[in-house]
């Protein structure tokens, strides 16, 4: 038993290589009263590797509200609980937020036990600016929603990162290539810390071609990192006349069609007119 009771330990576990488990994480998992796991069958393999035999309880996206109430009561009774996900740091696109929120709101301690995280691992080896970045989690499932997502970030100057599955990595890159310039720098990191770890830094156009042509580049779990937009200061603003043209076109056309026509008429770069059109469209709903 731990000398301090009633604490929730948020424990990071390996994302592939079992050697990435920290000494402290092993010690905590051995000494807590309960381990709350996203998939108890998956976590059992990790626990067996380290000789950990503590009781497991299930906490996943379909039961976490109810299970969190039960675990909060255990904490109030003085028991210690460790929260783990299938891999990496809990709560980063994994279940656990309701439990952590309940415990914090109840005035009890939440103790982070840091370790592996696919997001941070990929950023550290990407070779793209990381002073400022945004993590976007998993992308929407539909093509239209993904294109809207990419459109919103078209002119963002920060590095941005998302997770993607093997089933949608190609479709996501195809959608991205319809919105972002093909020379935008991106990094595709797959199977981090595993045997087939691959980290590729290239342009969006070349990345799309690589994933289309190489079956292995459509396997595993993906972190995709996108470089921020770089602007020529002379081209940052749309003139009043160009904005007026967009307003007229948007009365009759979709954003995509209006921008395409405005590009043909004015010769202004598409991304600048697209952003201006988005701003005009938002103003209609304000």
Protein backbone atom coordinates (compact mmCIF):
# COMPACT_ATOMS: atom_id res chain seq x y z
CA UNK A 1 0.00 0.00 0.00
CA UNK A 2 1.11 3.55 -0.61
CA UNK A 3 1.73 5.66 2.48
CA UNK A 4 -0.57 8.36 1.10
CA UNK A 5 -4.14 7.31 0.34
CA UNK A 6 -6.96 8.67 -1.71
CA UNK A 7 -4.86 9.79 -4.67
CA UNK A 8 -5.51 9.28 -8.35
CA UNK A 9 -2.33 8.55 -10.31
CA UNK A 10 -2.46 9.30 -14.04
CA UNK A 11 0.16 6.89 -15.38
CA UNK A 12 1.73 7.02 -18.83
CA UNK A 13 2.51 3.64 -20.38
CA UNK A 14 4.62 2.70 -23.44
CA UNK A 15 3.31 3.44 -26.93
CA UNK A 16 5.06 0.39 -28.36
CA UNK A 17 8.43 -0.36 -26.84
CA UNK A 18 7.98 -1.88 -23.37
CA UNK A 19 11.36 -0.47 -22.37
CA UNK A 20 9.82 3.00 -22.29
CA UNK A 21 8.00 2.27 -19.02
CA UNK A 22 9.46 4.41 -16.23
CA UNK A 23 10.68 2.99 -12.90
CA UNK A 24 8.25 5.27 -11.09
CA UNK A 25 5.30 4.09 -13.21
CA UNK A 26 6.08 0.44 -12.40
CA UNK A 27 6.37 1.24 -8.69
CA UNK A 28 3.04 3.08 -8.62
CA UNK A 29 1.19 0.36 -10.54
CA UNK A 30 2.50 -2.23 -8.10
CA UNK A 31 1.41 -0.32 -5.00
CA UNK A 32 -2.00 1.17 -5.83
CA UNK A 33 -5.19 -0.58 -4.76
CA UNK A 34 -6.84 -0.45 -8.20
CA UNK A 35 -5.78 0.10 -11.80
CA UNK A 36 -8.43 1.64 -14.06
CA UNK A 37 -7.71 0.66 -17.66
CA UNK A 38 -9.23 1.49 -21.03
CA UNK A 39 -8.89 -2.17 -22.15
CA UNK A 40 -8.10 -4.56 -19.30
CA UNK A 41 -7.07 -7.35 -21.71
CA UNK A 42 -4.52 -5.10 -23.40
CA UNK A 43 -3.09 -3.75 -20.16
CA UNK A 44 -2.75 -7.24 -18.66
CA UNK A 45 0.09 -7.96 -21.09
CA UNK A 46 1.98 -4.91 -19.86
CA UNK A 47 1.36 -5.77 -16.21
CA UNK A 48 2.49 -9.36 -16.72
CA UNK A 49 5.71 -8.14 -18.31
CA UNK A 50 6.53 -6.20 -15.14
CA UNK A 51 5.16 -8.74 -12.67
CA UNK A 52 2.26 -6.52 -11.58
CA UNK A 53 -0.76 -8.39 -10.21
CA UNK A 54 -3.00 -5.60 -8.90
CA UNK A 55 -6.74 -5.60 -9.50
CA UNK A 56 -7.92 -4.16 -12.81
CA UNK A 57 -11.19 -2.34 -13.42
CA UNK A 58 -12.55 -1.19 -16.77
CA UNK A 59 -12.90 2.49 -17.62
CA UNK A 60 -13.62 3.28 -21.26
CA UNK A 61 -15.62 5.78 -23.32
CA UNK A 62 -18.88 3.83 -22.92
CA UNK A 63 -18.86 3.44 -19.13
CA UNK A 64 -16.59 6.19 -17.86
CA UNK A 65 -19.28 8.39 -16.28
CA UNK A 66 -20.65 5.55 -14.15
CA UNK A 67 -17.25 3.96 -13.49
CA UNK A 68 -15.78 7.33 -12.49
CA UNK A 69 -18.39 7.72 -9.73
CA UNK A 70 -17.45 4.30 -8.35
CA UNK A 71 -13.73 5.12 -8.45
CA UNK A 72 -14.30 8.49 -6.79
CA UNK A 73 -15.99 6.70 -3.91
CA UNK A 74 -13.01 4.34 -3.65
CA UNK A 75 -10.71 7.33 -3.42
CA UNK A 76 -12.87 8.88 -0.71
CA UNK A 77 -12.58 5.63 1.23
CA UNK A 78 -8.81 6.04 1.16
CA UNK A 79 -7.94 3.69 -1.65
CA UNK A 80 -5.37 4.66 -4.28
CA UNK A 81 -6.18 4.35 -7.99
CA UNK A 82 -3.97 4.40 -11.10
CA UNK A 83 -5.49 5.47 -14.42
CA UNK A 84 -3.90 4.07 -17.59
CA UNK A 85 -4.91 4.05 -21.27
CA UNK A 86 -4.06 1.44 -23.88
CA UNK A 87 -0.83 3.26 -24.71
CA UNK A 88 0.86 6.55 -23.91
CA UNK A 89 -0.38 9.33 -21.65
CA UNK A 90 -4.05 9.10 -20.59
CA UNK A 91 -6.56 11.75 -21.71
CA UNK A 92 -4.68 12.63 -24.93
CA UNK A 93 -7.45 11.37 -27.24
CA UNK A 94 -8.16 8.65 -24.65
CA UNK A 95 -10.83 8.25 -21.93
CA UNK A 96 -10.34 9.58 -18.40
CA UNK A 97 -11.40 13.24 -18.38
CA UNK A 98 -14.65 12.70 -16.39
CA UNK A 99 -12.73 10.84 -13.68
CA UNK A 100 -9.96 13.43 -13.41
CA UNK A 101 -12.50 16.27 -13.35
CA UNK A 102 -14.58 14.57 -10.64
CA UNK A 103 -11.51 13.94 -8.50
CA UNK A 104 -10.24 17.52 -8.86
CA UNK A 105 -13.70 18.96 -8.17
CA UNK A 106 -13.91 16.81 -5.04
CA UNK A 107 -10.70 18.37 -3.75
CA UNK A 108 -8.69 15.15 -3.96
CA UNK A 109 -5.20 14.82 -5.39
CA UNK A 110 -4.43 13.90 -8.99
CA UNK A 111 -0.77 12.94 -9.48
CA UNK A 112 0.72 12.75 -13.00
CA UNK A 113 3.26 9.99 -13.63
CA UNK A 114 4.82 11.19 -16.91
CA UNK A 115 6.15 9.01 -19.67
CA UNK A 116 5.61 8.09 -23.31
CA UNK A 117 3.37 10.24 -25.53
CA UNK A 118 3.11 9.81 -29.30
CA UNK A 119 2.43 13.53 -29.78
CA UNK A 120 5.58 14.68 -27.99
CA UNK A 121 7.73 11.89 -29.42
CA UNK A 122 6.76 12.85 -32.97
CA UNK A 123 7.29 16.57 -32.38
CA UNK A 124 10.74 15.96 -30.91
CA UNK A 125 11.94 14.21 -34.08
CA UNK A 126 9.98 16.20 -36.67
CA UNK A 127 12.35 19.01 -37.49
CA UNK A 128 9.49 21.52 -37.62
CA UNK A 129 9.00 24.55 -35.31
CA UNK A 130 7.59 23.50 -31.93
CA UNK A 131 7.80 26.72 -29.90
CA UNK A 132 4.09 27.09 -30.60
CA UNK A 133 1.90 24.26 -31.78
CA UNK A 134 -1.70 23.09 -31.54
CA UNK A 135 -2.81 19.49 -31.00
CA UNK A 136 -6.03 18.65 -32.82
CA UNK A 137 -6.60 15.04 -31.72
CA UNK A 138 -8.22 12.73 -34.28
CA UNK A 139 -9.68 14.24 -37.45
CA UNK A 140 -13.39 14.11 -38.33
CA UNK A 141 -14.52 10.94 -40.09
CA UNK A 142 -16.15 12.49 -43.15
CA UNK A 143 -14.39 14.12 -46.08
CA UNK A 144 -16.46 17.31 -45.94
CA UNK A 145 -15.75 17.79 -42.24
CA UNK A 146 -12.04 17.18 -42.78
CA UNK A 147 -11.91 19.75 -45.59
CA UNK A 148 -13.62 22.29 -43.35
CA UNK A 149 -11.07 21.48 -40.65
CA UNK A 150 -8.17 22.03 -43.06
CA UNK A 151 -9.72 25.25 -44.38
CA UNK A 152 -9.88 26.69 -40.86
CA UNK A 153 -6.15 26.04 -40.44
CA UNK A 154 -5.04 27.01 -43.93
CA UNK A 155 -3.43 30.27 -42.83
CA UNK A 156 -2.45 29.31 -39.28
CA UNK A 157 1.18 30.20 -38.68
CA UNK A 158 1.56 27.68 -35.87
CA UNK A 159 2.66 24.09 -36.34
CA UNK A 160 -0.36 21.83 -35.89
CA UNK A 161 -0.61 18.12 -35.18
CA UNK A 162 -3.26 15.44 -35.45
CA UNK A 163 -3.63 11.69 -34.98
CA UNK A 164 -4.95 9.48 -37.75
CA UNK A 165 -5.78 5.80 -38.21
CA UNK A 166 -4.51 3.46 -40.92
CA UNK A 167 -8.03 3.33 -42.38
CA UNK A 168 -8.19 7.07 -43.10
CA UNK A 169 -4.62 8.29 -43.51
CA UNK A 170 -4.77 8.29 -47.33
CA UNK A 171 -8.20 9.94 -47.49
CA UNK A 172 -7.08 12.59 -44.99
CA UNK A 173 -3.99 13.46 -47.03
CA UNK A 174 -6.09 13.59 -50.21
CA UNK A 175 -8.50 16.02 -48.54
CA UNK A 176 -5.61 18.08 -47.19
CA UNK A 177 -4.09 18.32 -50.66
CA UNK A 178 -7.31 19.90 -51.95
CA UNK A 179 -7.04 22.74 -49.40
CA UNK A 180 -3.39 23.29 -48.50
CA UNK A 181 -0.60 24.10 -50.99
CA UNK A 182 1.22 20.97 -52.12
CA UNK A 183 4.58 22.46 -51.12
CA UNK A 184 3.58 22.75 -47.45
CA UNK A 185 6.03 20.86 -45.24
CA UNK A 186 4.55 17.98 -43.24
CA UNK A 187 5.85 15.09 -41.18
CA UNK A 188 4.27 11.64 -41.11
CA UNK A 189 5.28 9.58 -38.08
CA UNK A 190 3.98 6.02 -37.87
CA UNK A 191 4.47 3.10 -35.48
CA UNK A 192 6.57 5.21 -33.11
CA UNK A 193 8.96 3.19 -30.89
CA UNK A 194 7.94 -0.03 -32.69
CA UNK A 195 9.90 -2.23 -35.10
CA UNK A 196 8.58 -0.46 -38.20
CA UNK A 197 8.90 3.08 -36.88
CA UNK A 198 8.91 5.56 -39.77
CA UNK A 199 9.29 9.34 -39.61
CA UNK A 200 9.15 11.12 -42.96
CA UNK A 201 9.52 14.88 -43.45
CA UNK A 202 8.57 16.09 -46.91
CA UNK A 203 6.09 18.23 -48.84
CA UNK A 204 2.39 17.48 -48.76
CA UNK A 205 2.45 16.55 -52.45
CA UNK A 206 5.29 14.05 -52.04
CA UNK A 207 3.77 12.65 -48.83
CA UNK A 208 0.49 11.97 -50.62
CA UNK A 209 2.32 10.20 -53.44
CA UNK A 210 4.33 8.14 -50.94
CA UNK A 211 1.25 6.97 -49.05
CA UNK A 212 -0.60 6.21 -52.28
CA UNK A 213 2.23 4.08 -53.67
CA UNK A 214 3.58 2.35 -50.54
CA UNK A 215 1.25 -0.09 -48.79
CA UNK A 216 3.35 0.00 -45.61
CA UNK A 217 2.70 3.73 -45.32
CA UNK A 218 -0.98 2.92 -44.80
CA UNK A 219 -0.36 0.60 -41.85
CA UNK A 220 -0.11 1.36 -38.15
CA UNK A 221 -0.92 4.40 -36.05
CA UNK A 222 -0.09 7.87 -37.34
CA UNK A 223 0.92 11.27 -36.03
CA UNK A 224 0.82 13.94 -38.75
CA UNK A 225 2.57 17.27 -38.17
CA UNK A 226 1.88 20.24 -40.46
CA UNK A 227 4.11 23.29 -40.75
CA UNK A 228 2.50 26.67 -40.26
CA UNK A 229 1.77 29.01 -43.15
CA UNK A 230 4.45 31.50 -44.17
CA UNK A 231 3.35 34.84 -45.58
CA UNK A 232 4.91 37.42 -47.81
CA UNK A 233 4.03 40.63 -45.95
CA UNK A 234 3.13 42.30 -49.26
CA UNK A 235 0.45 39.67 -49.87
CA UNK A 236 -1.23 39.52 -46.49
CA UNK A 237 -4.19 41.77 -47.30
CA UNK A 238 -7.02 41.57 -49.80
CA UNK A 239 -7.83 44.99 -51.27
CA UNK A 240 -11.27 46.58 -50.76
CA UNK A 241 -12.08 46.03 -54.46
CA UNK A 242 -11.18 42.34 -54.21
CA UNK A 243 -13.27 41.98 -51.08
CA UNK A 244 -16.20 43.68 -52.83
CA UNK A 245 -15.87 41.20 -55.71
CA UNK A 246 -15.94 38.29 -53.27
CA UNK A 247 -19.05 39.66 -51.59
CA UNK A 248 -20.85 39.80 -54.94
CA UNK A 249 -19.76 36.30 -55.92
CA UNK A 250 -20.68 34.82 -52.54
CA UNK A 251 -24.27 35.99 -52.95
CA UNK A 252 -24.66 33.57 -55.85
CA UNK A 253 -21.92 30.94 -55.40
CA UNK A 254 -20.42 28.58 -52.87
CA UNK A 255 -17.16 29.63 -51.21
CA UNK A 256 -15.19 27.23 -53.39
CA UNK A 257 -16.70 28.53 -56.64
CA UNK A 258 -16.52 32.18 -55.58
CA UNK A 259 -12.82 31.85 -54.70
CA UNK A 260 -12.02 30.04 -57.95
CA UNK A 261 -13.71 32.79 -59.97
CA UNK A 262 -12.02 35.54 -57.94
CA UNK A 263 -8.61 33.94 -58.50
CA UNK A 264 -9.25 33.86 -62.26
CA UNK A 265 -10.44 37.49 -62.31
CA UNK A 266 -7.85 39.06 -59.99
CA UNK A 267 -4.84 36.76 -60.15
CA UNK A 268 -4.54 36.99 -56.36
CA UNK A 269 -3.26 33.89 -54.57
CA UNK A 270 -6.00 31.41 -53.76
CA UNK A 271 -5.21 31.05 -50.05
CA UNK A 272 -5.59 34.81 -49.46
CA UNK A 273 -8.94 34.98 -51.24
CA UNK A 274 -10.10 31.79 -49.51
CA UNK A 275 -9.37 33.22 -46.08
CA UNK A 276 -11.12 36.48 -47.01
CA UNK A 277 -14.14 34.51 -48.23
CA UNK A 278 -14.26 32.56 -44.97
CA UNK A 279 -14.24 35.81 -43.01
CA UNK A 280 -17.05 37.23 -45.15
CA UNK A 281 -19.07 34.06 -44.72
CA UNK A 282 -18.60 34.14 -40.94
CA UNK A 283 -19.79 37.74 -40.92
CA UNK A 284 -23.11 36.66 -42.43
CA UNK A 285 -23.83 34.50 -39.38
CA UNK A 286 -22.70 37.07 -36.83
